Amino acid sequence: MTPLFPIGVLVVVWFLSAIPLPFEYQIYWPLWLALSAFWFALYAPRFMGVVIAWFLGLSLDLLLGAPLASYAFGLALAVYLAGLFRLRLRHLTMPQQILVAVAFCWVTLQGAVWVRWLSGGQGNPLLSTVTACVSGLVWPLVSLSLNRIARRISVERV
């Protein structure tokens, strides 16, 4: 797999993350960057480490106008935890992976809420549960499509 694949995925994910939604509907929009980071942490770990996740989180903070390092801390923590259990998580069934994806997105969002709380901001940690559940429902689509694209790219290179 060439480095162009993760760069292309990240560009698409940034565009999906930048879609403006009304405030009351934002909790129903999946965390596209967290889901793609989770996939890369499981299936292509050489392209997703803690430092890369930190910088991706910083870019998401700048894109969304969030307090600096809020998503960066949450995403780096979640990628670190996914990297610890990567070999076990890859062999789970899809319903089990959905639960792990919900937990991954929830850790990302709770890290962001915690940093906002430390900086004096307000945040409802229960709202992140809805976003994490929606992201978990989208996980099979993300996982299967990225697996198919990565397989097709590796077959074409041979």
Protein backbone atom coordinates (compact mmCIF):
# COMPACT_ATOMS: atom_id res chain seq x y z
CA MET A 1 0.00 0.00 0.00
CA THR A 2 1.43 3.34 -1.03
CA PRO A 3 1.34 6.46 1.18
CA LEU A 4 -1.09 8.00 -1.30
CA PHE A 5 -3.90 5.79 0.02
CA PRO A 6 -3.87 7.16 3.60
CA ILE A 7 -3.47 10.71 2.31
CA GLY A 8 -6.47 10.26 0.01
CA VAL A 9 -8.54 8.76 2.81
CA LEU A 10 -7.64 11.64 5.12
CA VAL A 11 -8.59 14.24 2.53
CA VAL A 12 -12.01 12.59 2.09
CA VAL A 13 -12.44 12.32 5.86
CA TRP A 14 -11.57 15.99 6.37
CA PHE A 15 -14.20 16.96 3.79
CA LEU A 16 -16.77 14.78 5.55
CA SER A 17 -15.83 16.33 8.91
CA ALA A 18 -16.15 19.86 7.51
CA ILE A 19 -19.76 19.50 6.38
CA PRO A 20 -21.66 22.25 8.19
CA LEU A 21 -24.68 20.99 10.09
CA PRO A 22 -27.11 22.80 12.37
CA PHE A 23 -26.06 22.61 16.02
CA GLU A 24 -28.87 20.25 17.04
CA TYR A 25 -27.91 17.71 14.34
CA GLN A 26 -24.16 17.69 14.93
CA ILE A 27 -24.38 14.92 17.53
CA TYR A 28 -25.85 12.60 14.88
CA TRP A 29 -22.85 13.01 12.52
CA PRO A 30 -20.22 10.26 12.83
CA LEU A 31 -16.60 10.92 13.74
CA TRP A 32 -15.13 10.15 10.34
CA LEU A 33 -11.56 10.94 11.34
CA ALA A 34 -11.73 8.70 14.40
CA LEU A 35 -13.20 5.82 12.39
CA SER A 36 -10.53 6.07 9.72
CA ALA A 37 -7.81 6.36 12.38
CA PHE A 38 -9.25 3.25 14.04
CA TRP A 39 -9.12 1.36 10.74
CA PHE A 40 -5.53 2.42 10.09
CA ALA A 41 -4.54 1.51 13.65
CA LEU A 42 -5.96 -1.98 13.12
CA TYR A 43 -5.10 -2.81 9.52
CA ALA A 44 -2.26 -0.46 8.52
CA PRO A 45 -0.43 0.49 11.72
CA ARG A 46 2.63 1.82 9.92
CA PHE A 47 0.47 4.71 8.69
CA MET A 48 -1.18 5.50 12.05
CA GLY A 49 0.76 6.04 15.23
CA VAL A 50 0.16 8.16 18.29
CA VAL A 51 2.11 11.13 16.92
CA ILE A 52 0.28 11.05 13.60
CA ALA A 53 -3.04 10.77 15.48
CA TRP A 54 -2.04 13.78 17.57
CA PHE A 55 -1.39 15.91 14.49
CA LEU A 56 -4.59 14.69 12.83
CA GLY A 57 -6.48 15.64 15.97
CA LEU A 58 -4.85 19.09 15.90
CA SER A 59 -5.95 19.51 12.31
CA LEU A 60 -9.49 18.51 13.31
CA ASP A 61 -9.37 21.05 16.15
CA LEU A 62 -8.41 23.76 13.67
CA LEU A 63 -11.01 22.61 11.16
CA LEU A 64 -13.88 22.56 13.66
CA GLY A 65 -12.78 25.54 15.73
CA ALA A 66 -12.49 23.44 18.89
CA PRO A 67 -10.09 24.32 21.70
CA LEU A 68 -6.59 23.42 20.62
CA ALA A 69 -5.49 19.87 21.51
CA SER A 70 -8.95 18.66 22.55
CA TYR A 71 -9.49 16.18 19.72
CA ALA A 72 -5.74 15.67 19.50
CA PHE A 73 -5.56 14.28 23.03
CA GLY A 74 -8.62 12.08 22.61
CA LEU A 75 -7.57 10.68 19.25
CA ALA A 76 -4.00 10.01 20.36
CA LEU A 77 -5.25 8.21 23.47
CA ALA A 78 -7.70 6.11 21.46
CA VAL A 79 -5.09 5.18 18.83
CA TYR A 80 -2.67 4.20 21.59
CA LEU A 81 -5.28 1.90 23.15
CA ALA A 82 -6.20 0.42 19.76
CA GLY A 83 -2.52 -0.21 19.02
CA LEU A 84 -2.13 -2.11 22.29
CA PHE A 85 -4.86 -4.57 21.38
CA ARG A 86 -4.55 -4.45 17.59
CA LEU A 87 -3.94 -8.14 17.00
CA ARG A 88 -6.90 -9.14 19.13
CA LEU A 89 -9.27 -6.55 17.69
CA ARG A 90 -8.62 -7.54 14.08
CA HIS A 91 -10.07 -11.02 14.64
CA LEU A 92 -13.33 -9.97 16.24
CA THR A 93 -16.63 -10.47 14.48
CA MET A 94 -18.33 -7.43 12.98
CA PRO A 95 -20.83 -6.93 15.86
CA GLN A 96 -17.93 -7.07 18.31
CA GLN A 97 -15.95 -4.61 16.19
CA ILE A 98 -18.95 -2.27 16.20
CA LEU A 99 -18.86 -2.26 20.00
CA VAL A 100 -15.12 -1.60 19.98
CA ALA A 101 -15.58 1.21 17.43
CA VAL A 102 -18.20 2.78 19.71
CA ALA A 103 -15.74 2.56 22.60
CA PHE A 104 -12.95 4.01 20.41
CA CYS A 105 -15.07 7.00 19.37
CA TRP A 106 -16.33 7.44 22.93
CA VAL A 107 -12.74 7.59 24.26
CA THR A 108 -11.89 10.14 21.58
CA LEU A 109 -14.86 12.32 22.47
CA GLN A 110 -14.38 11.98 26.22
CA GLY A 111 -10.76 13.05 25.85
CA ALA A 112 -11.98 16.11 23.94
CA VAL A 113 -14.62 16.86 26.61
CA TRP A 114 -12.03 16.49 29.35
CA VAL A 115 -9.62 18.94 27.69
CA ARG A 116 -12.48 21.42 27.15
CA TRP A 117 -13.44 21.07 30.81
CA LEU A 118 -9.83 21.72 31.88
CA SER A 119 -9.71 24.84 29.74
CA GLY A 120 -12.84 26.21 31.40
CA GLY A 121 -15.34 25.34 28.71
CA GLN A 122 -18.71 23.72 29.06
CA GLY A 123 -19.51 20.32 27.64
CA ASN A 124 -22.07 17.62 28.16
CA PRO A 125 -20.31 14.24 28.24
CA LEU A 126 -23.58 12.39 27.62
CA LEU A 127 -23.97 13.93 24.16
CA SER A 128 -20.78 12.21 23.07
CA THR A 129 -22.44 8.85 23.71
CA VAL A 130 -24.94 9.50 20.91
CA THR A 131 -22.17 10.46 18.49
CA ALA A 132 -20.14 7.38 19.45
CA CYS A 133 -23.15 5.10 18.87
CA VAL A 134 -23.84 6.67 15.47
CA SER A 135 -20.18 6.24 14.57
CA GLY A 136 -20.36 2.59 15.60
CA LEU A 137 -23.30 2.05 13.28
CA VAL A 138 -21.25 3.48 10.40
CA TRP A 139 -18.20 1.33 11.24
CA PRO A 140 -19.14 -1.65 8.99
CA LEU A 141 -19.45 0.68 6.00
CA VAL A 142 -16.08 2.33 6.73
CA SER A 143 -14.29 -0.92 7.51
CA LEU A 144 -15.56 -2.93 4.56
CA SER A 145 -15.05 -0.13 2.04
CA LEU A 146 -11.50 0.65 3.21
CA ASN A 147 -10.66 -3.08 3.23
CA ARG A 148 -11.95 -3.43 -0.32
CA ILE A 149 -10.08 -0.36 -1.58
CA ALA A 150 -6.83 -1.42 0.13
CA ARG A 151 -7.13 -4.92 -1.31
CA ARG A 152 -7.79 -3.55 -4.79
CA ILE A 153 -4.78 -1.23 -4.57
CA SER A 154 -2.49 -4.04 -3.40
CA VAL A 155 -3.70 -6.34 -6.20
CA GLU A 156 -3.11 -3.66 -8.84
CA ARG A 157 0.46 -3.11 -7.65
CA VAL A 158 1.38 -6.79 -8.11
